[in-house]
Amino acid sequence: MVPDIKHINTLGELKEAGYKTKSIKDEVRQNLIKKLQGKEETFPGIIGYEDSVIPDVERALLSKHNILFLGLRGQAKTRMARQMTELLDEYIPIIAGSEVNDDPLQPLSKYAKDLINERGDATPIEWVHRSQRYGEKLATPDVSVADLIGDIDPIKAANLRLSFADERVIHFGIIPKSNRGIFVINELPDLQARIQVALFNILEEGDVQIRGFKLRLPLDILFVFTANPEDYTNRGSIVTPLKDRIQSQILTHYPKSLEQALAITEQEASIEDVQKEIVQVSDLVKRLIEQVAFEARASEFVDKKSGVSARLTISAFENAVSAAERRSIVHGDQQTHVWISDLIGIIPSITGKIELVYEGEQEGPYQVAMNLLDKSIRTNFVQYFPNPETLKKRASRKGETPQVVYNPYRSIINWFDKGNHINLFFSAKDQDKINQLYAVDGLFALVKKTFSHANEKEAALLMEFVLHGLASYSLISKKILENAVEFKDLMGSMFNMQSSSSLDDEEEEDFN
């Protein structure tokens, strides 16, 4: 960047300062090299791409390539493109009033050339910040060549009394206006094939052609395209010659680990300061929410070609916090935490962000979302407590002499088998829920034995988690009512009829 740019206002002063023109790709390359040498983070806030996508992007930019990000929705493709502006020089000079950011030392447009011919070294210049050197267009079927490249403007011709043969009647599109900047086309396959063809010259030769004008406008642009895989986008595809002209195609992906996903949600979720003061969110609840997305990506009911965006868990986390906040507002509590039952409030965040296959549509979006939440609970349960499935297998191996197996859940299940049940109301006060949970035989003892350092509220959350976990393994019954979650024995009245003939603990080798 030229020092003291505020004092450089004319072409002559710019020349005296020794300013030298750089192409945008050279500019990005040089600034990227400086960041790499200084061990700076090139794409801050992009989590999970440190060893995959980011190195690919850095190699592409060092090679001065145009880039295509190919991946499912919610994979930070556009965010990475927007962050590339940080690799630009802070300010660059342009001819004052230029529509296409004319370089004062290498003008492109007739307007700039005429102004320099008229004013010479007194030609006024302006300084453009890097934040203004970014253009973006969402590709839709109705996008035209005029939108992207330009067209003849009859109103301008009439106002200036110019012939349609005069170059000054051209109205430039968004691409020429992004000259000396970064231009992004999102969802490239949605662009009609004939419009994609219009980009050939810009990508290969760097110039534009407008309505048959004998006009060569060698643009200086770093192009970034984003697309979903072509087999997902039924509306169209990227034409082969255009794909051939994009030098680097970079595949993006979803977070590969739960820890990466947790960090993304923590960073992106919009939680008000007042919510943070009132609502505590345990690591357990965060993991349950995050696991929903992993379960959805593996679900037979969800369209894998569509993908499951990271926005699902971000929205779900915000809804879970708001569910707890709403309860605290209603009861006038100063502090609360997110209960497992509060996660019923994240269902709207799931149903709106998953595309279902035919079997999923038959099941229904609400039921699919509930199943995903149950699977998340089931998957995480064995990370905290003994696996009920493993205990059951050990207790009933074929061909072996039956043996007594310690079942840590027996007293809990027996309590429900005796006809007891609890309803955890969504809007109930924290203390009311705690009192209900402590009434279940063996529940607190199990949690205290496994998590001896848990305080009262932590223990209560884990106690509730045990009930949801046992229900996910079909050891007790869970039913979602309109205003509560009901837990009771699995077989209902049939077991109540047999309550008089109670089984001895040592004889009971399975979970009833």
Protein backbone atom coordinates (compact mmCIF):
# COMPACT_ATOMS: atom_id res chain seq x y z
CA MET A 1 0.00 0.00 0.00
CA VAL A 2 1.17 3.50 -0.86
CA PRO A 3 2.04 5.52 2.28
CA ASP A 4 0.01 8.63 3.13
CA ILE A 5 -2.66 7.81 0.57
CA LYS A 6 -4.92 10.62 1.82
CA HIS A 7 -2.45 13.08 0.33
CA ILE A 8 -2.37 11.41 -3.10
CA ASN A 9 -5.32 12.71 -5.09
CA THR A 10 -4.11 12.91 -8.68
CA LEU A 11 -2.49 10.68 -11.25
CA GLY A 12 0.68 12.78 -11.17
CA GLU A 13 1.06 12.41 -7.41
CA LEU A 14 0.52 8.67 -7.73
CA LYS A 15 3.33 8.40 -10.28
CA GLU A 16 5.66 10.46 -8.07
CA ALA A 17 4.95 8.16 -5.14
CA GLY A 18 6.23 5.24 -7.22
CA TYR A 19 3.02 3.23 -7.18
CA LYS A 20 3.23 0.04 -9.25
CA THR A 21 0.28 -1.86 -10.59
CA LYS A 22 -0.31 -5.47 -9.49
CA SER A 23 -2.89 -7.91 -10.77
CA ILE A 24 -5.34 -9.08 -8.12
CA LYS A 25 -3.99 -12.64 -8.25
CA ASP A 26 -0.44 -11.38 -7.68
CA GLU A 27 -1.76 -9.21 -4.87
CA VAL A 28 -3.48 -12.16 -3.19
CA ARG A 29 -0.46 -14.38 -3.72
CA GLN A 30 1.98 -11.91 -2.16
CA ASN A 31 -0.23 -11.20 0.86
CA LEU A 32 -0.84 -14.92 1.37
CA ILE A 33 2.91 -15.58 1.35
CA LYS A 34 3.35 -12.89 4.02
CA LYS A 35 0.68 -14.51 6.21
CA LEU A 36 2.19 -17.96 5.81
CA GLN A 37 5.67 -16.67 6.61
CA GLY A 38 4.33 -14.87 9.67
CA LYS A 39 2.49 -18.04 10.83
CA GLU A 40 -0.79 -16.09 10.68
CA GLU A 41 -4.15 -17.79 10.34
CA THR A 42 -5.25 -17.35 6.73
CA PHE A 43 -8.93 -18.18 7.25
CA PRO A 44 -9.80 -17.40 10.90
CA GLY A 45 -12.99 -18.91 12.25
CA ILE A 46 -13.07 -21.75 9.70
CA ILE A 47 -13.05 -24.87 11.89
CA GLY A 48 -12.33 -28.40 10.70
CA TYR A 49 -10.63 -27.46 7.43
CA GLU A 50 -7.12 -26.92 8.83
CA ASP A 51 -5.68 -30.07 7.26
CA SER A 52 -7.92 -30.43 4.22
CA VAL A 53 -9.73 -27.54 2.53
CA ILE A 54 -7.57 -24.62 3.70
CA PRO A 55 -4.27 -26.08 2.39
CA ASP A 56 -6.02 -26.78 -0.93
CA VAL A 57 -7.22 -23.17 -1.12
CA GLU A 58 -3.78 -21.81 -0.24
CA ARG A 59 -2.18 -23.91 -3.00
CA ALA A 60 -4.79 -22.68 -5.49
CA LEU A 61 -4.21 -19.02 -4.58
CA LEU A 62 -0.43 -19.43 -4.77
CA SER A 63 -0.98 -20.87 -8.25
CA LYS A 64 -3.18 -17.85 -9.14
CA HIS A 65 -6.14 -20.07 -9.91
CA ASN A 66 -9.84 -19.38 -10.12
CA ILE A 67 -11.61 -21.68 -7.63
CA LEU A 68 -14.71 -23.88 -7.53
CA PHE A 69 -15.87 -24.96 -4.07
CA LEU A 70 -17.85 -28.17 -4.48
CA GLY A 71 -19.80 -29.44 -1.50
CA LEU A 72 -23.15 -29.81 0.24
CA ARG A 73 -24.98 -26.94 1.88
CA GLY A 74 -23.72 -25.44 5.09
CA GLN A 75 -20.04 -26.20 4.49
CA ALA A 76 -18.68 -22.62 4.73
CA LYS A 77 -18.06 -22.27 0.97
CA THR A 78 -19.27 -18.68 0.70
CA ARG A 79 -17.69 -17.71 4.02
CA MET A 80 -14.27 -18.78 2.78
CA ALA A 81 -14.75 -16.79 -0.41
CA ARG A 82 -15.70 -13.67 1.57
CA GLN A 83 -12.66 -14.03 3.80
CA MET A 84 -10.37 -13.85 0.77
CA THR A 85 -10.80 -10.08 0.83
CA GLU A 86 -8.42 -10.10 3.82
CA LEU A 87 -5.70 -11.21 1.40
CA LEU A 88 -6.09 -8.01 -0.65
CA ASP A 89 -4.11 -4.81 -0.17
CA GLU A 90 -5.93 -2.48 2.19
CA TYR A 91 -6.41 0.23 -0.44
CA ILE A 92 -5.91 0.54 -4.19
CA PRO A 93 -6.23 3.65 -6.41
CA ILE A 94 -8.85 3.98 -9.14
CA ILE A 95 -9.79 6.72 -11.57
CA ALA A 96 -12.36 8.88 -9.77
CA GLY A 97 -15.89 8.06 -10.93
CA SER A 98 -14.94 4.88 -12.79
CA GLU A 99 -17.62 2.19 -12.92
CA VAL A 100 -15.09 -0.59 -13.47
CA ASN A 101 -12.41 0.41 -10.94
CA ASP A 102 -9.99 1.58 -13.65
CA ASP A 103 -6.33 1.35 -12.72
CA PRO A 104 -4.92 4.90 -13.14
CA LEU A 105 -1.78 3.47 -14.74
CA GLN A 106 -3.60 0.97 -16.98
CA PRO A 107 -7.09 2.34 -17.73
CA LEU A 108 -9.64 0.05 -19.40
CA SER A 109 -12.84 2.01 -20.01
CA LYS A 110 -13.44 4.77 -22.51
CA TYR A 111 -14.47 7.01 -19.64
CA ALA A 112 -11.08 6.65 -17.93
CA LYS A 113 -9.05 6.96 -21.11
CA ASP A 114 -10.91 10.11 -22.17
CA LEU A 115 -10.49 11.64 -18.70
CA ILE A 116 -6.74 10.99 -18.70
CA ASN A 117 -6.42 12.42 -22.22
CA GLU A 118 -8.25 15.53 -21.04
CA ARG A 119 -6.70 16.05 -17.61
CA GLY A 120 -3.33 14.28 -17.84
CA ASP A 121 -1.49 14.13 -14.52
CA ALA A 122 -4.26 16.21 -12.95
CA THR A 123 -6.69 13.29 -13.38
CA PRO A 124 -8.39 12.77 -9.99
CA ILE A 125 -8.07 9.41 -8.29
CA GLU A 126 -9.90 7.71 -5.42
CA TRP A 127 -8.82 5.03 -2.96
CA VAL A 128 -10.96 1.91 -2.64
CA HIS A 129 -10.86 -0.22 0.53
CA ARG A 130 -10.54 -3.99 0.15
CA SER A 131 -14.00 -4.49 1.66
CA GLN A 132 -15.45 -2.77 -1.42
CA ARG A 133 -13.63 -5.06 -3.82
CA TYR A 134 -15.95 -8.00 -3.48
CA GLY A 135 -18.91 -8.90 -5.67
CA GLU A 136 -21.33 -11.78 -5.22
CA LYS A 137 -24.24 -13.14 -7.20
CA LEU A 138 -26.57 -16.00 -6.36
CA ALA A 139 -27.15 -17.95 -9.55
CA THR A 140 -30.82 -18.38 -10.38
CA PRO A 141 -32.47 -19.45 -13.63
CA ASP A 142 -33.57 -15.86 -14.33
CA VAL A 143 -30.05 -14.37 -14.23
CA SER A 144 -29.23 -12.85 -17.62
CA VAL A 145 -26.07 -11.94 -19.50
CA ALA A 146 -27.01 -8.30 -18.97
CA ASP A 147 -27.01 -8.82 -15.20
CA LEU A 148 -23.57 -10.37 -15.19
CA ILE A 149 -21.74 -8.69 -18.05
CA GLY A 150 -23.78 -5.74 -19.29
CA ASP A 151 -26.00 -4.40 -22.05
CA ILE A 152 -26.86 -1.28 -24.01
CA ASP A 153 -28.74 1.22 -21.85
CA PRO A 154 -31.30 3.11 -24.00
CA ILE A 155 -32.10 5.54 -21.17
CA LYS A 156 -28.44 6.53 -20.87
CA ALA A 157 -28.27 6.91 -24.66
CA ALA A 158 -31.32 9.18 -24.65
CA ASN A 159 -30.15 11.31 -21.71
CA LEU A 160 -26.67 11.80 -23.16
CA ARG A 161 -27.98 12.01 -26.74
CA LEU A 162 -25.63 9.32 -27.89
CA SER A 163 -25.84 6.79 -30.70
CA PHE A 164 -26.24 3.14 -29.78
CA ALA A 165 -22.89 2.65 -31.52
CA ASP A 166 -21.17 4.78 -28.86
CA GLU A 167 -19.39 2.76 -26.18
CA ARG A 168 -20.61 5.15 -23.50
CA VAL A 169 -24.18 3.79 -23.77
CA ILE A 170 -23.08 0.49 -22.26
CA HIS A 171 -24.38 -0.33 -18.81
CA PHE A 172 -21.84 -2.63 -17.19
CA GLY A 173 -22.98 -5.69 -15.27
CA ILE A 174 -21.80 -6.88 -11.89
CA ILE A 175 -18.71 -8.69 -13.24
CA PRO A 176 -17.07 -5.67 -14.94
CA LYS A 177 -17.95 -3.61 -11.87
CA SER A 178 -15.98 -6.14 -9.83
CA ASN A 179 -12.83 -5.49 -11.86
CA ARG A 180 -9.67 -5.64 -9.69
CA GLY A 181 -11.66 -7.53 -7.07
CA ILE A 182 -13.04 -10.92 -6.09
CA PHE A 183 -16.26 -12.07 -7.73
CA VAL A 184 -18.30 -15.02 -6.44
CA ILE A 185 -21.10 -16.90 -8.18
CA ASN A 186 -23.00 -19.07 -5.70
CA GLU A 187 -24.79 -22.23 -6.82
CA LEU A 188 -23.20 -22.19 -10.29
CA PRO A 189 -25.23 -25.18 -11.64
CA ASP A 190 -28.41 -23.11 -11.29
CA LEU A 191 -27.09 -20.71 -13.94
CA GLN A 192 -28.58 -21.50 -17.35
CA ALA A 193 -26.16 -23.18 -19.74
CA ARG A 194 -26.22 -20.28 -22.21
CA ILE A 195 -25.30 -17.87 -19.41
CA GLN A 196 -22.45 -20.14 -18.34
CA VAL A 197 -21.16 -20.05 -21.92
CA ALA A 198 -20.95 -16.24 -21.68
CA LEU A 199 -18.31 -16.69 -18.96
CA PHE A 200 -15.91 -18.62 -21.20
CA ASN A 201 -14.07 -15.57 -22.54
CA ILE A 202 -13.88 -13.89 -19.17
CA LEU A 203 -12.23 -16.90 -17.57
CA GLU A 204 -9.85 -17.80 -20.40
CA GLU A 205 -8.99 -14.50 -22.08
CA GLY A 206 -10.11 -12.17 -19.30
CA ASP A 207 -12.20 -9.92 -21.54
CA VAL A 208 -15.90 -9.24 -22.14
CA GLN A 209 -18.05 -8.86 -25.24
CA ILE A 210 -21.24 -6.82 -25.09
CA ARG A 211 -23.90 -6.75 -27.80
CA GLY A 212 -21.47 -7.06 -30.68
CA PHE A 213 -19.40 -4.01 -29.68
CA LYS A 214 -15.83 -4.12 -30.89
CA LEU A 215 -14.85 -3.83 -27.30
CA ARG A 216 -12.03 -5.61 -25.52
CA LEU A 217 -12.14 -5.08 -21.80
CA PRO A 218 -9.43 -7.26 -20.20
CA LEU A 219 -10.78 -7.62 -16.69
CA ASP A 220 -8.62 -8.43 -13.68
CA ILE A 221 -10.77 -10.62 -11.42
CA LEU A 222 -10.30 -13.54 -9.05
CA PHE A 223 -13.31 -15.78 -9.63
CA VAL A 224 -14.71 -18.07 -6.95
CA PHE A 225 -17.63 -20.38 -7.70
CA THR A 226 -19.65 -22.53 -5.31
CA ALA A 227 -21.77 -25.52 -6.20
CA ASN A 228 -23.50 -28.51 -4.73
CA PRO A 229 -22.61 -31.85 -6.34
CA GLU A 230 -24.22 -32.04 -9.75
CA ASP A 231 -26.19 -35.18 -8.95
CA TYR A 232 -28.03 -33.23 -6.23
CA THR A 233 -28.84 -30.12 -8.27
CA ASN A 234 -31.61 -31.33 -10.54
CA ARG A 235 -32.15 -27.91 -12.06
CA GLY A 236 -28.92 -28.02 -14.05
CA SER A 237 -25.22 -28.73 -14.06
CA ILE A 238 -21.94 -27.01 -14.78
CA VAL A 239 -21.20 -27.16 -18.50
CA THR A 240 -18.00 -29.07 -19.16
CA PRO A 241 -16.03 -26.33 -20.98
CA LEU A 242 -16.69 -23.91 -18.11
CA LYS A 243 -15.59 -26.47 -15.54
CA ASP A 244 -12.45 -27.00 -17.60
CA ARG A 245 -11.63 -23.29 -17.37
CA ILE A 246 -11.82 -23.25 -13.55
CA GLN A 247 -8.32 -24.32 -12.59
CA SER A 248 -8.91 -25.64 -9.04
CA GLN A 249 -11.92 -27.60 -7.84
CA ILE A 250 -11.88 -27.96 -4.05
CA LEU A 251 -14.10 -30.42 -2.20
CA THR A 252 -15.55 -29.26 1.11
CA HIS A 253 -16.96 -31.47 3.86
CA TYR A 254 -18.88 -31.51 7.13
CA PRO A 255 -17.08 -31.61 10.51
CA LYS A 256 -15.35 -34.95 10.90
CA SER A 257 -15.54 -35.05 14.69
CA LEU A 258 -18.03 -34.05 17.35
CA GLU A 259 -15.45 -31.72 18.90
CA GLN A 260 -15.12 -29.76 15.65
CA ALA A 261 -18.90 -29.55 15.35
CA LEU A 262 -19.18 -28.32 18.95
CA ALA A 263 -16.61 -25.60 18.30
CA ILE A 264 -18.48 -24.44 15.18
CA THR A 265 -21.81 -24.21 17.01
CA GLU A 266 -20.20 -22.44 19.97
CA GLN A 267 -18.71 -19.89 17.60
CA GLU A 268 -21.73 -19.34 15.37
CA ALA A 269 -24.73 -19.53 17.74
CA SER A 270 -26.26 -16.15 18.47
CA ILE A 271 -26.84 -16.19 22.22
CA GLU A 272 -27.66 -12.92 23.98
CA ASP A 273 -25.57 -11.90 27.00
CA VAL A 274 -28.70 -11.92 29.17
CA GLN A 275 -29.37 -15.52 28.07
CA LYS A 276 -25.84 -16.53 29.04
CA GLU A 277 -26.40 -15.07 32.51
CA ILE A 278 -29.67 -16.92 33.06
CA VAL A 279 -29.22 -20.23 31.22
CA GLN A 280 -26.48 -22.77 31.77
CA VAL A 281 -25.90 -25.37 29.08
CA SER A 282 -24.07 -28.54 30.09
CA ASP A 283 -21.56 -30.31 27.87
CA LEU A 284 -23.96 -33.26 27.79
CA VAL A 285 -26.76 -31.19 26.24
CA LYS A 286 -24.38 -29.63 23.72
CA ARG A 287 -23.23 -33.08 22.64
CA LEU A 288 -26.79 -34.35 22.33
CA ILE A 289 -27.70 -31.44 20.05
CA GLU A 290 -24.58 -31.90 17.93
CA GLN A 291 -25.09 -35.64 17.61
CA VAL A 292 -28.49 -35.02 15.99
CA ALA A 293 -26.75 -33.73 12.86
CA PHE A 294 -24.44 -36.75 12.72
CA GLU A 295 -27.42 -39.07 13.10
CA ALA A 296 -29.31 -37.20 10.37
CA ARG A 297 -26.39 -37.53 7.93
CA ALA A 298 -26.44 -41.29 8.46
CA SER A 299 -30.23 -41.71 8.54
CA GLU A 300 -32.02 -43.78 5.90
CA PHE A 301 -34.89 -41.28 6.04
CA VAL A 302 -32.77 -38.23 5.14
CA ASP A 303 -31.59 -37.43 1.61
CA LYS A 304 -27.80 -37.72 1.77
CA LYS A 305 -27.37 -35.89 -1.54
CA SER A 306 -29.01 -32.83 0.00
CA GLY A 307 -26.84 -32.86 3.13
CA VAL A 308 -27.48 -31.65 6.65
CA SER A 309 -26.20 -28.14 7.21
CA ALA A 310 -24.29 -26.98 10.28
CA ARG A 311 -27.11 -24.42 10.55
CA LEU A 312 -29.30 -27.21 11.97
CA THR A 313 -27.32 -27.54 15.19
CA ILE A 314 -26.73 -23.79 15.44
CA SER A 315 -30.48 -23.12 15.28
CA ALA A 316 -31.19 -26.06 17.56
CA PHE A 317 -28.76 -24.79 20.18
CA GLU A 318 -30.37 -21.33 20.08
CA ASN A 319 -33.83 -22.87 20.46
CA ALA A 320 -32.73 -25.02 23.40
CA VAL A 321 -31.36 -21.97 25.23
CA SER A 322 -34.54 -20.03 24.47
CA ALA A 323 -36.71 -22.89 25.77
CA ALA A 324 -34.93 -22.72 29.13
CA GLU A 325 -35.01 -18.91 29.12
CA ARG A 326 -38.75 -18.88 28.46
CA ARG A 327 -39.34 -21.18 31.43
CA SER A 328 -37.21 -18.99 33.71
CA ILE A 329 -39.11 -15.87 32.59
CA VAL A 330 -42.49 -17.51 33.28
CA HIS A 331 -41.46 -18.56 36.80
CA GLY A 332 -39.33 -15.51 37.57
CA ASP A 333 -36.22 -17.64 38.15
CA GLN A 334 -32.86 -15.93 38.16
CA GLN A 335 -31.03 -18.97 36.80
CA THR A 336 -31.80 -22.29 35.18
CA HIS A 337 -30.24 -24.84 32.85
CA VAL A 338 -31.28 -26.70 29.73
CA TRP A 339 -32.96 -29.99 30.62
CA ILE A 340 -33.09 -32.99 28.28
CA SER A 341 -36.85 -32.44 28.03
CA ASP A 342 -36.15 -28.91 26.73
CA LEU A 343 -34.72 -30.53 23.59
CA ILE A 344 -38.29 -31.11 22.42
CA GLY A 345 -38.03 -27.41 21.58
CA ILE A 346 -35.36 -28.05 18.95
CA ILE A 347 -37.67 -30.14 16.75
CA PRO A 348 -38.65 -27.12 14.57
CA SER A 349 -34.93 -26.55 13.93
CA ILE A 350 -34.61 -30.11 12.65
CA THR A 351 -37.73 -30.44 10.52
CA GLY A 352 -36.95 -27.31 8.53
CA LYS A 353 -33.39 -28.29 7.71
CA ILE A 354 -33.54 -31.87 6.49
CA GLU A 355 -34.70 -33.14 3.11
CA LEU A 356 -36.51 -36.47 3.43
CA VAL A 357 -36.51 -39.37 1.01
CA TYR A 358 -39.80 -41.13 0.21
CA GLU A 359 -39.67 -43.36 3.30
CA GLY A 360 -39.01 -40.30 5.46
CA GLU A 361 -42.00 -38.49 3.97
CA GLN A 362 -44.14 -41.49 4.82
CA GLU A 363 -42.84 -41.44 8.38
CA GLY A 364 -43.44 -37.69 8.65
CA PRO A 365 -40.94 -34.88 9.39
CA TYR A 366 -41.92 -34.61 13.07
CA GLN A 367 -41.51 -38.32 13.73
CA VAL A 368 -38.19 -38.42 11.84
CA ALA A 369 -36.92 -35.50 13.95
CA MET A 370 -38.00 -37.25 17.16
CA ASN A 371 -36.27 -40.44 16.03
CA LEU A 372 -33.05 -38.52 15.35
CA LEU A 373 -33.18 -37.00 18.84
CA ASP A 374 -33.75 -40.45 20.37
CA LYS A 375 -30.83 -41.87 18.40
CA SER A 376 -28.64 -39.03 19.62
CA ILE A 377 -29.59 -39.88 23.23
CA ARG A 378 -28.94 -43.57 22.61
CA THR A 379 -25.52 -42.93 21.04
CA ASN A 380 -24.38 -40.62 23.83
CA PHE A 381 -25.84 -42.68 26.67
CA VAL A 382 -23.10 -45.31 26.53
CA GLN A 383 -20.47 -42.56 26.83
CA TYR A 384 -21.77 -41.79 30.33
CA PHE A 385 -23.35 -45.01 31.66
CA PRO A 386 -22.99 -48.78 31.18
CA ASN A 387 -24.34 -50.07 27.89
CA PRO A 388 -27.69 -51.80 28.57
CA GLU A 389 -27.38 -53.81 25.35
CA THR A 390 -24.02 -55.27 26.37
CA LEU A 391 -25.32 -56.20 29.81
CA LYS A 392 -28.29 -57.91 28.26
CA LYS A 393 -26.11 -59.98 25.90
CA ARG A 394 -23.85 -61.04 28.75
CA ALA A 395 -26.88 -62.16 30.69
CA SER A 396 -28.38 -64.33 27.96
CA ARG A 397 -25.62 -65.93 25.89
CA LYS A 398 -26.79 -69.08 24.20
CA GLY A 399 -25.16 -72.35 25.12
CA GLU A 400 -23.79 -71.08 28.41
CA THR A 401 -24.91 -71.72 31.94
CA PRO A 402 -27.13 -68.83 33.11
CA GLN A 403 -25.22 -66.62 35.50
CA VAL A 404 -26.14 -63.76 37.74
CA VAL A 405 -25.20 -60.44 36.08
CA TYR A 406 -25.22 -57.20 37.98
CA ASN A 407 -27.72 -54.85 36.37
CA PRO A 408 -27.29 -51.24 37.56
CA TYR A 409 -30.68 -50.30 36.09
CA ARG A 410 -32.74 -53.07 37.75
CA SER A 411 -34.11 -51.07 40.67
CA ILE A 412 -35.11 -48.21 38.34
CA ILE A 413 -36.93 -50.53 35.95
CA ASN A 414 -38.59 -52.38 38.84
CA TRP A 415 -39.89 -49.07 40.21
CA PHE A 416 -41.73 -48.43 36.95
CA ASP A 417 -42.85 -52.05 36.70
CA LYS A 418 -44.73 -51.59 39.96
CA GLY A 419 -47.04 -49.14 38.19
CA ASN A 420 -45.21 -45.93 39.09
CA HIS A 421 -44.78 -43.18 36.50
CA ILE A 422 -43.63 -39.58 36.31
CA ASN A 423 -44.58 -36.68 34.07
CA LEU A 424 -41.81 -34.12 33.51
CA PHE A 425 -43.72 -31.02 32.48
CA PHE A 426 -41.90 -28.75 30.00
CA SER A 427 -42.88 -25.63 31.92
CA ALA A 428 -42.28 -27.02 35.42
CA LYS A 429 -39.92 -25.29 37.84
CA ASP A 430 -36.47 -26.81 38.20
CA GLN A 431 -37.10 -27.84 41.79
CA ASP A 432 -40.34 -29.61 40.88
CA LYS A 433 -38.48 -31.68 38.28
CA ILE A 434 -35.71 -32.46 40.75
CA ASN A 435 -38.23 -33.65 43.34
CA GLN A 436 -39.88 -35.96 40.80
CA LEU A 437 -36.58 -37.46 39.70
CA TYR A 438 -35.46 -38.16 43.26
CA ALA A 439 -38.67 -40.12 43.79
CA VAL A 440 -37.54 -42.83 41.33
CA ASP A 441 -35.91 -45.71 43.24
CA GLY A 442 -32.23 -46.24 42.41
CA LEU A 443 -31.98 -43.30 40.03
CA PHE A 444 -29.95 -40.99 42.27
CA ALA A 445 -27.82 -43.89 43.55
CA LEU A 446 -26.83 -44.83 39.99
CA VAL A 447 -25.87 -41.24 39.09
CA LYS A 448 -24.00 -40.66 42.36
CA LYS A 449 -22.03 -43.87 41.92
CA THR A 450 -21.01 -42.96 38.36
CA PHE A 451 -20.57 -39.19 38.88
CA SER A 452 -19.67 -38.74 42.52
CA HIS A 453 -18.69 -35.07 42.18
CA ALA A 454 -21.91 -33.89 40.50
CA ASN A 455 -23.82 -31.18 42.34
CA GLU A 456 -27.61 -31.29 42.80
CA LYS A 457 -28.55 -29.78 39.45
CA GLU A 458 -25.91 -31.73 37.53
CA ALA A 459 -27.07 -34.92 39.17
CA ALA A 460 -30.70 -34.11 38.36
CA LEU A 461 -29.82 -33.56 34.67
CA LEU A 462 -27.99 -36.90 34.58
CA MET A 463 -30.93 -38.57 36.29
CA GLU A 464 -33.25 -37.28 33.61
CA PHE A 465 -30.72 -38.42 30.99
CA VAL A 466 -30.82 -41.95 32.44
CA LEU A 467 -34.59 -42.09 31.97
CA HIS A 468 -34.35 -40.90 28.35
CA GLY A 469 -31.50 -43.33 27.77
CA LEU A 470 -33.37 -46.33 29.18
CA ALA A 471 -36.35 -45.38 27.02
CA SER A 472 -34.12 -45.24 23.93
CA TYR A 473 -33.07 -48.82 24.71
CA SER A 474 -36.74 -49.85 25.15
CA LEU A 475 -36.31 -50.67 28.83
CA ILE A 476 -38.99 -48.23 29.98
CA SER A 477 -41.68 -46.35 28.10
CA LYS A 478 -41.42 -42.70 27.06
CA LYS A 479 -44.34 -40.79 25.61
CA ILE A 480 -44.30 -37.16 24.45
CA LEU A 481 -47.49 -35.52 25.61
CA GLU A 482 -48.66 -32.04 24.68
CA ASN A 483 -47.04 -30.41 27.70
CA ALA A 484 -44.85 -33.10 29.27
CA VAL A 485 -42.72 -36.20 28.84
CA GLU A 486 -44.26 -39.26 30.48
CA PHE A 487 -42.11 -42.16 31.71
CA LYS A 488 -43.69 -45.43 32.84
CA ASP A 489 -43.22 -49.20 32.58
CA LEU A 490 -42.82 -50.66 29.14
CA MET A 491 -45.58 -53.24 29.11
CA GLY A 492 -48.14 -51.27 31.10
CA SER A 493 -51.10 -53.07 32.62
CA MET A 494 -49.86 -56.51 31.61
CA PHE A 495 -46.99 -56.21 34.08
CA ASN A 496 -49.23 -54.64 36.69
CA MET A 497 -51.39 -57.76 36.60
CA GLN A 498 -48.33 -59.82 37.51
CA SER A 499 -47.14 -57.50 40.29
CA SER A 500 -48.11 -60.05 42.96
CA SER A 501 -45.57 -62.55 41.66
CA SER A 502 -42.40 -60.48 41.95
CA LEU A 503 -39.20 -61.98 40.60
CA ASP A 504 -36.12 -62.51 42.69
CA ASP A 505 -33.20 -60.31 41.59
CA GLU A 506 -30.91 -63.29 41.09
CA GLU A 507 -33.41 -65.09 38.89
CA GLU A 508 -33.97 -62.07 36.66
CA GLU A 509 -31.39 -62.31 33.87
CA ASP A 510 -32.79 -59.85 31.38
CA PHE A 511 -34.49 -56.45 31.51
CA ASN A 512 -38.08 -57.66 31.44
